[in-house]
């Protein structure tokens, strides 16, 4: 890049890019560490204990105001939905009604919950499983069973990481030597990844 080309890069735009790059990198510092660490835990599950950390079985009676059971009645279904939500934060869309039982499967990051309402014996049977901290972090990394709010955080963070990367590249434009070296490193690493993919990935 010659002197004329350098002058074409506006100093104000460089200053803005530097500011964005610094503050975005700091805002995402812990988040990028989180993704890096969980990338390792996801890639090497055998390093960690995959056994279920905690399994609980609980039985409790169905409330009197829901008896007698009327699984085909809309009002009874709504009342049952309100009770389940107040007890276990279950959304109505998760509930499956049948003649003699009501079944709900609720999954969260690293957790699993199965709730069955036995309408013959009028009891609620709750099975809860906790797969441990590593499983929670891995599910957060993947956005699995995390809900809309967390997926939105992942989308916003991904956009900011793209912005962080682009502003970093833009800051290199006036620095000819560093730019050439950086392009060389990028080409080598990218080519290496492509070669590994083509030759070694099943």
Protein backbone atom coordinates (compact mmCIF):
# COMPACT_ATOMS: atom_id res chain seq x y z
CA UNK A 1 0.00 0.00 0.00
CA UNK A 2 1.58 3.30 -1.08
CA UNK A 3 1.40 6.69 0.60
CA UNK A 4 -1.50 7.83 -1.61
CA UNK A 5 -3.55 4.79 -0.60
CA UNK A 6 -2.82 5.45 3.07
CA UNK A 7 -4.14 8.99 2.78
CA UNK A 8 -7.42 7.68 1.40
CA UNK A 9 -8.13 5.97 4.72
CA UNK A 10 -9.84 8.60 6.76
CA UNK A 11 -8.26 9.15 10.18
CA UNK A 12 -11.68 9.67 11.74
CA UNK A 13 -12.86 6.31 10.42
CA UNK A 14 -9.74 4.67 11.86
CA UNK A 15 -10.37 6.34 15.21
CA UNK A 16 -13.99 5.19 15.16
CA UNK A 17 -12.96 1.65 14.20
CA UNK A 18 -10.39 1.59 17.01
CA UNK A 19 -12.97 2.74 19.56
CA UNK A 20 -15.51 0.17 18.40
CA UNK A 21 -12.87 -2.56 18.35
CA UNK A 22 -11.67 -1.81 21.89
CA UNK A 23 -15.05 -1.49 23.57
CA UNK A 24 -16.69 -4.38 21.73
CA UNK A 25 -13.73 -6.63 22.56
CA UNK A 26 -13.99 -5.73 26.25
CA UNK A 27 -17.78 -6.09 26.27
CA UNK A 28 -17.43 -9.57 24.79
CA UNK A 29 -14.28 -10.57 26.70
CA UNK A 30 -15.94 -12.97 29.16
CA UNK A 31 -18.40 -14.18 26.54
CA UNK A 32 -15.62 -15.13 24.11
CA UNK A 33 -13.78 -16.91 26.93
CA UNK A 34 -17.01 -18.78 27.66
CA UNK A 35 -17.29 -19.88 24.03
CA UNK A 36 -13.62 -20.91 23.91
CA UNK A 37 -13.83 -22.98 27.11
CA UNK A 38 -17.13 -24.64 26.22
CA UNK A 39 -15.75 -25.35 22.76
CA UNK A 40 -13.18 -27.56 24.50
CA UNK A 41 -15.75 -29.20 26.81
CA UNK A 42 -17.98 -29.97 23.82
CA UNK A 43 -15.09 -31.38 21.81
CA UNK A 44 -13.86 -33.62 24.64
CA UNK A 45 -16.90 -34.94 26.53
CA UNK A 46 -14.86 -37.97 27.68
CA UNK A 47 -12.80 -35.67 29.89
CA UNK A 48 -15.80 -34.95 32.05
CA UNK A 49 -18.25 -37.02 34.04
CA UNK A 50 -21.29 -37.57 31.84
CA UNK A 51 -23.30 -39.28 34.57
CA UNK A 52 -26.51 -37.65 35.72
CA UNK A 53 -25.65 -35.43 38.66
CA UNK A 54 -29.02 -35.67 40.39
CA UNK A 55 -32.23 -37.64 39.79
CA UNK A 56 -35.36 -36.98 41.80
CA UNK A 57 -38.75 -38.66 41.86
CA UNK A 58 -41.55 -36.82 43.62
CA UNK A 59 -45.22 -37.70 44.02
CA UNK A 60 -47.88 -35.31 45.18
CA UNK A 61 -51.66 -35.28 45.05
CA UNK A 62 -53.53 -33.35 42.39
CA UNK A 63 -55.32 -30.36 44.04
CA UNK A 64 -58.94 -30.90 45.08
CA UNK A 65 -60.18 -28.09 42.85
CA UNK A 66 -59.03 -30.06 39.78
CA UNK A 67 -61.12 -33.09 40.83
CA UNK A 68 -62.95 -34.84 39.37
CA UNK A 69 -60.67 -34.90 36.35
CA UNK A 70 -62.16 -33.75 33.06
CA UNK A 71 -59.28 -34.03 30.53
CA UNK A 72 -61.52 -33.22 27.55
CA UNK A 73 -62.99 -30.11 29.16
CA UNK A 74 -61.37 -26.85 28.02
CA UNK A 75 -61.91 -25.09 31.36
CA UNK A 76 -60.35 -28.01 33.26
CA UNK A 77 -57.38 -27.99 30.88
CA UNK A 78 -56.88 -24.26 31.45
CA UNK A 79 -57.07 -24.67 35.23
CA UNK A 80 -54.61 -27.56 35.09
CA UNK A 81 -52.29 -25.45 32.94
CA UNK A 82 -52.36 -22.61 35.49
CA UNK A 83 -51.56 -25.04 38.31
CA UNK A 84 -48.66 -26.59 36.41
CA UNK A 85 -47.28 -23.16 35.59
CA UNK A 86 -47.50 -21.99 39.19
CA UNK A 87 -45.77 -25.16 40.43
CA UNK A 88 -43.15 -25.86 37.74
CA UNK A 89 -43.26 -22.93 35.29
CA UNK A 90 -44.75 -25.15 32.59
CA UNK A 91 -46.20 -23.46 29.52
CA UNK A 92 -49.59 -24.63 28.29
CA UNK A 93 -48.18 -25.56 24.86
CA UNK A 94 -45.99 -28.21 26.50
CA UNK A 95 -48.94 -30.14 27.95
CA UNK A 96 -50.29 -33.29 26.29
CA UNK A 97 -53.78 -34.31 27.43
CA UNK A 98 -55.22 -37.83 27.16
CA UNK A 99 -58.12 -39.68 28.78
CA UNK A 100 -56.32 -41.07 31.82
CA UNK A 101 -53.16 -38.96 32.14
CA UNK A 102 -51.53 -35.64 31.40
CA UNK A 103 -47.90 -35.67 30.28
CA UNK A 104 -45.42 -32.79 30.20
CA UNK A 105 -41.78 -33.00 29.13
CA UNK A 106 -39.80 -29.91 30.05
CA UNK A 107 -36.16 -29.50 29.02
CA UNK A 108 -33.75 -26.77 30.04
CA UNK A 109 -29.98 -26.30 29.76
CA UNK A 110 -28.51 -29.46 31.32
CA UNK A 111 -31.85 -30.42 32.87
CA UNK A 112 -34.79 -32.69 32.06
CA UNK A 113 -38.17 -32.88 33.73
CA UNK A 114 -41.03 -35.28 33.07
CA UNK A 115 -44.33 -34.60 34.81
CA UNK A 116 -47.17 -37.10 34.60
CA UNK A 117 -50.60 -36.49 36.09
CA UNK A 118 -52.15 -39.89 36.77
CA UNK A 119 -55.87 -39.17 36.50
CA UNK A 120 -56.82 -42.63 37.77
CA UNK A 121 -54.97 -42.33 41.09
CA UNK A 122 -55.09 -38.51 41.10
CA UNK A 123 -51.40 -38.01 41.73
CA UNK A 124 -48.66 -36.03 40.01
CA UNK A 125 -45.39 -37.90 39.38
CA UNK A 126 -42.38 -35.67 38.78
CA UNK A 127 -39.07 -37.03 37.48
CA UNK A 128 -36.24 -34.47 37.45
CA UNK A 129 -32.72 -34.97 36.11
CA UNK A 130 -29.75 -32.64 36.41
CA UNK A 131 -26.82 -33.45 34.13
CA UNK A 132 -24.34 -31.17 35.89
CA UNK A 133 -22.62 -27.82 35.37
CA UNK A 134 -20.66 -28.84 32.26
CA UNK A 135 -23.84 -29.96 30.51
CA UNK A 136 -25.52 -26.67 31.41
CA UNK A 137 -22.60 -24.68 29.94
CA UNK A 138 -22.53 -26.86 26.81
CA UNK A 139 -26.25 -26.37 26.21
CA UNK A 140 -25.84 -22.61 26.69
CA UNK A 141 -23.04 -22.67 24.10
CA UNK A 142 -25.33 -24.43 21.60
CA UNK A 143 -28.46 -22.49 22.54
CA UNK A 144 -30.26 -25.79 23.19
CA UNK A 145 -33.40 -25.67 25.33
CA UNK A 146 -32.53 -22.09 26.33
CA UNK A 147 -35.54 -20.12 25.12
CA UNK A 148 -35.91 -17.03 22.95
CA UNK A 149 -34.10 -14.55 25.21
CA UNK A 150 -30.85 -16.54 25.33
CA UNK A 151 -30.96 -17.25 21.57
CA UNK A 152 -31.31 -13.50 21.04
CA UNK A 153 -28.22 -12.92 23.21
CA UNK A 154 -26.31 -15.43 21.06
CA UNK A 155 -27.41 -13.68 17.86
CA UNK A 156 -26.43 -10.24 19.15
CA UNK A 157 -23.08 -11.52 20.44
CA UNK A 158 -22.34 -13.18 17.10
CA UNK A 159 -23.05 -9.92 15.31
CA UNK A 160 -20.74 -8.03 17.68
CA UNK A 161 -17.97 -10.60 17.18
CA UNK A 162 -18.27 -10.05 13.42
CA UNK A 163 -18.03 -6.29 14.02
CA UNK A 164 -15.02 -6.79 16.30
CA UNK A 165 -13.27 -8.87 13.61
CA UNK A 166 -14.00 -6.44 10.78
CA UNK A 167 -12.84 -3.37 12.70
CA UNK A 168 -9.65 -5.22 13.64
CA UNK A 169 -8.99 -5.94 9.96
CA UNK A 170 -9.78 -2.34 9.04
CA UNK A 171 -7.23 -1.04 11.55
CA UNK A 172 -4.52 -3.02 9.74
CA UNK A 173 -5.11 -1.35 6.37
CA UNK A 174 -2.67 1.56 6.89
CA UNK A 175 0.00 -0.77 8.34
CA UNK A 176 1.44 -2.36 5.22
CA UNK A 177 3.88 -4.81 6.82
CA UNK A 178 1.48 -6.03 9.49
CA UNK A 179 -1.28 -6.27 6.90
CA UNK A 180 0.79 -8.48 4.62
CA UNK A 181 1.85 -10.72 7.49
CA UNK A 182 -1.71 -10.94 8.75
CA UNK A 183 -3.02 -11.90 5.31
CA UNK A 184 -0.30 -14.55 5.06
CA UNK A 185 -1.22 -16.01 8.46
CA UNK A 186 -4.90 -15.96 7.57
CA UNK A 187 -4.21 -17.74 4.28
CA UNK A 188 -2.02 -20.38 5.97
CA UNK A 189 -4.46 -21.11 8.78
CA UNK A 190 -7.50 -21.13 6.48
CA UNK A 191 -5.74 -23.35 3.94
CA UNK A 192 -4.65 -25.71 6.71
CA UNK A 193 -8.23 -26.01 7.98
CA UNK A 194 -9.49 -26.71 4.45
CA UNK A 195 -6.81 -29.36 3.89
CA UNK A 196 -7.66 -31.06 7.19
CA UNK A 197 -11.35 -31.00 6.30
CA UNK A 198 -10.79 -32.48 2.84
CA UNK A 199 -8.25 -35.13 3.85
CA UNK A 200 -9.01 -36.11 7.44
CA UNK A 201 -12.64 -35.34 8.25
CA UNK A 202 -14.86 -38.41 7.65
